[in-house]
């Protein structure tokens, strides 16, 4: 039984990465089925180890690919992979007590699938798409253009506002006489996070009102991006403030463009 589905919205367009993500979901489902069937501690332990080993192999392949294409998101990806690996190691059952093992494995599967969905939708779908992905685009990349219009006025107006917030952040970063931009950037990112949450809520309400079949996939993607915004750690900037913020804004802007073009433009008008 396929409890956790690898869906179209999880596709990165990179064959090896997509195939390995698909395999991770398959291994998760196999472990979930074995747990529901009451399999022995030895079987569950072997399946858990297989899953964690495969995740480690996948992370290594993903990082090698990102290094090969000089993806600026590689350091952030490595940090996320390491945090996940450490968390799973803590959650892996260490005693063959049936009830405790069931509870621990259930918690681990819930965390793992939530993390995997969010990591793919919030980070992996942007692999290879930062800096240069819009090379054909003319003019200021921070300007909202007709290319991003969905034809739904409320959604288009809110998308335009998101572009404006990111453009404001970019102006602050490149302000010549503003040496320490930390406090102002924090405020702008707070505004971006709050407006993004409001926008996603409005968008989901609209999709629900027209009974749009893609609503659940949209909710997963929205939740993943909000998680990404909530997890931003500007302490990573250290002595490379402008460079770090440039990379961050490129990621946020390109994620927004990618989401609009691949998902939001499919939302039907009333």
Protein backbone atom coordinates (compact mmCIF):
# COMPACT_ATOMS: atom_id res chain seq x y z
CA UNK A 1 0.00 0.00 0.00
CA UNK A 2 1.38 3.40 -1.03
CA UNK A 3 0.78 5.66 1.98
CA UNK A 4 3.29 8.33 1.02
CA UNK A 5 3.22 9.35 -2.63
CA UNK A 6 5.99 10.78 -4.79
CA UNK A 7 3.92 13.25 -6.78
CA UNK A 8 4.52 15.35 -9.89
CA UNK A 9 5.11 18.49 -7.81
CA UNK A 10 8.16 16.75 -6.29
CA UNK A 11 9.93 16.43 -9.67
CA UNK A 12 13.19 18.38 -10.01
CA UNK A 13 13.71 17.47 -13.66
CA UNK A 14 17.09 15.90 -12.78
CA UNK A 15 16.73 12.19 -13.56
CA UNK A 16 19.09 10.72 -10.95
CA UNK A 17 17.77 12.93 -8.14
CA UNK A 18 14.13 12.22 -9.05
CA UNK A 19 14.78 8.47 -9.23
CA UNK A 20 16.48 8.50 -5.83
CA UNK A 21 13.67 10.55 -4.28
CA UNK A 22 11.20 8.05 -5.72
CA UNK A 23 13.20 5.21 -4.13
CA UNK A 24 13.21 6.99 -0.76
CA UNK A 25 9.42 7.16 -0.84
CA UNK A 26 9.30 3.48 -1.80
CA UNK A 27 11.52 2.52 1.15
CA UNK A 28 9.41 4.66 3.50
CA UNK A 29 6.26 2.90 2.33
CA UNK A 30 7.85 -0.53 2.73
CA UNK A 31 8.88 0.28 6.30
CA UNK A 32 5.41 1.70 7.02
CA UNK A 33 3.77 -1.49 5.72
CA UNK A 34 6.16 -3.70 7.74
CA UNK A 35 5.41 -1.70 10.87
CA UNK A 36 1.63 -2.02 10.31
CA UNK A 37 2.02 -5.76 9.70
CA UNK A 38 3.81 -6.22 13.05
CA UNK A 39 7.05 -7.54 11.58
CA UNK A 40 9.86 -8.63 13.90
CA UNK A 41 12.38 -6.26 15.47
CA UNK A 42 15.14 -7.69 13.27
CA UNK A 43 13.19 -7.05 10.05
CA UNK A 44 12.26 -3.52 11.11
CA UNK A 45 15.84 -2.76 12.18
CA UNK A 46 17.21 -3.97 8.84
CA UNK A 47 14.66 -1.92 6.89
CA UNK A 48 15.37 1.18 8.98
CA UNK A 49 19.10 0.78 8.35
CA UNK A 50 18.49 0.31 4.63
CA UNK A 51 16.47 3.52 4.56
CA UNK A 52 19.03 5.59 6.47
CA UNK A 53 21.89 4.18 4.37
CA UNK A 54 20.07 5.01 1.15
CA UNK A 55 19.32 8.54 2.37
CA UNK A 56 23.04 9.05 3.08
CA UNK A 57 23.94 7.75 -0.39
CA UNK A 58 21.36 10.03 -1.98
CA UNK A 59 22.64 13.08 -0.10
CA UNK A 60 26.18 12.32 -1.28
CA UNK A 61 25.01 12.04 -4.90
CA UNK A 62 22.95 15.22 -4.65
CA UNK A 63 25.82 17.20 -3.13
CA UNK A 64 28.25 15.90 -5.77
CA UNK A 65 25.88 17.00 -8.52
CA UNK A 66 25.46 20.45 -6.96
CA UNK A 67 29.23 20.80 -6.59
CA UNK A 68 29.69 19.84 -10.25
CA UNK A 69 27.30 22.58 -11.44
CA UNK A 70 28.60 25.11 -8.87
CA UNK A 71 25.17 25.52 -7.29
CA UNK A 72 25.37 28.34 -4.68
CA UNK A 73 22.82 26.52 -2.50
CA UNK A 74 25.24 23.64 -1.79
CA UNK A 75 26.40 24.87 1.67
CA UNK A 76 22.79 25.28 2.81
CA UNK A 77 21.88 21.84 1.43
CA UNK A 78 24.82 20.23 3.23
CA UNK A 79 23.68 21.82 6.49
CA UNK A 80 20.11 20.54 6.02
CA UNK A 81 21.32 17.04 5.13
CA UNK A 82 23.60 16.91 8.20
CA UNK A 83 20.81 18.08 10.52
CA UNK A 84 18.45 15.45 9.12
CA UNK A 85 21.02 12.66 9.47
CA UNK A 86 21.71 13.60 13.10
CA UNK A 87 17.99 13.75 13.92
CA UNK A 88 17.25 10.35 12.39
CA UNK A 89 20.19 8.79 14.29
CA UNK A 90 18.64 10.06 17.54
CA UNK A 91 15.21 8.68 16.63
CA UNK A 92 16.28 5.20 15.50
CA UNK A 93 14.95 2.59 18.01
CA UNK A 94 17.73 1.06 20.07
CA UNK A 95 15.77 -1.46 22.16
CA UNK A 96 13.74 -4.45 20.89
CA UNK A 97 10.67 -3.59 22.99
CA UNK A 98 7.73 -4.02 20.58
CA UNK A 99 5.50 -1.18 21.80
CA UNK A 100 8.34 1.31 22.28
CA UNK A 101 9.76 0.39 18.89
CA UNK A 102 6.38 0.90 17.23
CA UNK A 103 5.99 4.35 18.77
CA UNK A 104 9.54 5.39 17.91
CA UNK A 105 9.33 4.15 14.33
CA UNK A 106 5.93 5.79 13.81
CA UNK A 107 7.38 9.09 15.03
CA UNK A 108 10.44 8.66 12.86
CA UNK A 109 8.36 7.94 9.73
CA UNK A 110 6.15 10.95 10.37
CA UNK A 111 9.17 13.21 10.79
CA UNK A 112 11.01 11.69 7.84
CA UNK A 113 8.16 12.05 5.35
CA UNK A 114 7.33 15.59 6.45
CA UNK A 115 11.01 16.56 6.20
CA UNK A 116 11.42 14.87 2.82
CA UNK A 117 8.39 16.58 1.28
CA UNK A 118 9.48 19.94 2.65
CA UNK A 119 13.12 19.52 1.65
CA UNK A 120 12.26 18.50 -1.91
CA UNK A 121 9.62 21.20 -2.38
CA UNK A 122 11.48 23.94 -0.51
CA UNK A 123 15.06 23.23 -1.66
CA UNK A 124 15.64 20.42 -4.15
CA UNK A 125 13.29 21.69 -6.86
CA UNK A 126 15.60 24.70 -7.14
CA UNK A 127 18.80 22.70 -7.78
CA UNK A 128 20.47 24.12 -10.88
CA UNK A 129 17.96 26.95 -11.16
CA UNK A 130 19.77 29.66 -9.20
CA UNK A 131 21.81 32.26 -11.13
CA UNK A 132 21.47 31.76 -14.82
CA UNK A 133 18.13 29.95 -14.84
CA UNK A 134 16.53 33.11 -16.20
CA UNK A 135 19.34 33.98 -18.58
CA UNK A 136 16.82 34.62 -21.34
CA UNK A 137 15.01 37.13 -19.17
CA UNK A 138 15.53 40.75 -20.18
CA UNK A 139 15.65 43.72 -17.84
CA UNK A 140 15.45 43.86 -14.06
CA UNK A 141 14.86 40.35 -12.65
CA UNK A 142 13.12 41.87 -9.60
CA UNK A 143 10.34 43.42 -11.68
CA UNK A 144 6.98 41.66 -11.86
CA UNK A 145 6.01 41.28 -15.55
CA UNK A 146 3.03 40.00 -17.55
CA UNK A 147 4.84 36.67 -17.91
CA UNK A 148 3.88 35.89 -14.30
CA UNK A 149 0.20 36.81 -14.56
CA UNK A 150 -2.29 34.03 -13.81
CA UNK A 151 -5.34 36.07 -14.88
CA UNK A 152 -6.69 35.91 -11.32
CA UNK A 153 -6.51 39.53 -10.13
CA UNK A 154 -6.20 38.83 -6.38
CA UNK A 155 -3.38 36.31 -6.90
CA UNK A 156 -1.59 38.53 -9.42
CA UNK A 157 -1.72 41.56 -7.12
CA UNK A 158 -0.30 39.58 -4.21
CA UNK A 159 2.44 38.09 -6.38
CA UNK A 160 3.34 41.61 -7.48
CA UNK A 161 3.62 42.65 -3.82
CA UNK A 162 5.95 39.71 -3.09
CA UNK A 163 8.19 40.83 -5.95
CA UNK A 164 8.20 44.34 -4.51
CA UNK A 165 9.25 43.14 -1.06
CA UNK A 166 12.13 41.08 -2.49
CA UNK A 167 13.13 44.03 -4.73
CA UNK A 168 13.21 46.28 -1.64
CA UNK A 169 15.50 43.81 0.10
CA UNK A 170 17.77 43.84 -2.95
CA UNK A 171 17.91 47.67 -2.88
CA UNK A 172 18.95 47.60 0.78
CA UNK A 173 21.67 45.04 0.11
CA UNK A 174 23.17 47.19 -2.61
CA UNK A 175 22.72 50.55 -0.87
CA UNK A 176 26.17 52.10 -1.14
CA UNK A 177 26.24 53.99 2.13
CA UNK A 178 24.37 51.50 4.31
CA UNK A 179 27.19 49.50 5.87
CA UNK A 180 25.38 47.30 8.39
CA UNK A 181 22.17 46.13 6.78
CA UNK A 182 21.39 43.34 9.22
CA UNK A 183 18.52 44.99 11.16
CA UNK A 184 16.77 46.31 8.08
CA UNK A 185 17.10 42.99 6.25
CA UNK A 186 15.64 41.19 9.28
CA UNK A 187 12.59 43.50 9.12
CA UNK A 188 12.16 43.00 5.38
CA UNK A 189 12.40 39.21 5.71
CA UNK A 190 9.84 39.38 8.53
CA UNK A 191 7.52 41.34 6.21
CA UNK A 192 8.15 38.82 3.42
CA UNK A 193 7.34 35.89 5.70
CA UNK A 194 4.13 37.47 7.02
CA UNK A 195 2.92 38.55 3.59
CA UNK A 196 3.79 35.13 2.11
CA UNK A 197 1.71 33.36 4.79
CA UNK A 198 -1.22 35.69 4.10
CA UNK A 199 -0.89 35.21 0.33
CA UNK A 200 -0.77 31.42 0.56
CA UNK A 201 -3.88 31.50 2.76
CA UNK A 202 -5.72 33.67 0.24
CA UNK A 203 -4.58 31.51 -2.67
CA UNK A 204 -5.66 28.29 -0.93
CA UNK A 205 -9.06 29.79 -0.09
CA UNK A 206 -9.55 30.69 -3.74
CA UNK A 207 -8.52 27.19 -4.89
CA UNK A 208 -10.88 25.64 -2.35
CA UNK A 209 -13.74 27.86 -3.54
CA UNK A 210 -13.36 26.55 -7.11
CA UNK A 211 -12.68 22.97 -5.90
CA UNK A 212 -9.30 22.90 -7.62
CA UNK A 213 -7.86 19.39 -7.77
CA UNK A 214 -4.31 20.66 -7.30
CA UNK A 215 -5.06 22.22 -3.90
CA UNK A 216 -3.36 19.54 -1.76
CA UNK A 217 -0.16 19.68 -3.81
CA UNK A 218 -0.20 23.48 -3.52
CA UNK A 219 -0.64 23.26 0.26
CA UNK A 220 2.41 20.98 0.53
CA UNK A 221 4.52 23.37 -1.52
CA UNK A 222 3.33 26.41 0.43
CA UNK A 223 4.05 24.76 3.76
CA UNK A 224 7.53 23.79 2.57
CA UNK A 225 8.36 27.34 1.52
CA UNK A 226 7.07 28.85 4.77
CA UNK A 227 9.24 26.34 6.64
CA UNK A 228 12.17 27.51 4.52
CA UNK A 229 11.50 31.13 5.46
CA UNK A 230 11.12 30.23 9.15
CA UNK A 231 14.42 28.34 9.13
CA UNK A 232 16.52 31.15 7.64
CA UNK A 233 19.59 31.69 9.80
CA UNK A 234 21.31 34.98 9.07
CA UNK A 235 24.09 34.09 11.49
CA UNK A 236 25.46 32.18 8.48
CA UNK A 237 26.44 35.53 6.97
CA UNK A 238 29.58 35.96 9.09
CA UNK A 239 31.88 38.30 7.12
CA UNK A 240 30.21 37.78 3.73
CA UNK A 241 27.01 39.72 4.35
CA UNK A 242 26.34 41.05 0.86
CA UNK A 243 27.29 37.79 -0.88
CA UNK A 244 25.14 35.70 1.47
CA UNK A 245 22.12 38.01 1.10
CA UNK A 246 22.51 38.09 -2.69
CA UNK A 247 22.43 34.27 -2.77
CA UNK A 248 19.44 34.21 -0.43
CA UNK A 249 17.44 36.70 -2.50
CA UNK A 250 18.29 34.88 -5.71
CA UNK A 251 16.95 31.71 -4.15
CA UNK A 252 13.73 33.30 -2.85
CA UNK A 253 13.03 35.14 -6.10
CA UNK A 254 13.76 32.14 -8.30
CA UNK A 255 11.66 29.88 -6.07
CA UNK A 256 8.74 32.30 -6.39
CA UNK A 257 9.11 32.53 -10.17
CA UNK A 258 9.39 28.75 -10.50
CA UNK A 259 6.30 28.23 -8.35
CA UNK A 260 4.23 30.77 -10.27
CA UNK A 261 5.21 29.41 -13.68
CA UNK A 262 4.93 25.70 -12.84
CA UNK A 263 1.98 25.67 -10.45
CA UNK A 264 0.09 28.93 -10.00
CA UNK A 265 -0.44 29.52 -13.72
CA UNK A 266 -2.35 26.22 -13.81
CA UNK A 267 -4.97 27.50 -11.34
CA UNK A 268 -8.22 28.03 -13.31
CA UNK A 269 -9.99 31.38 -13.34
CA UNK A 270 -13.58 31.45 -12.11
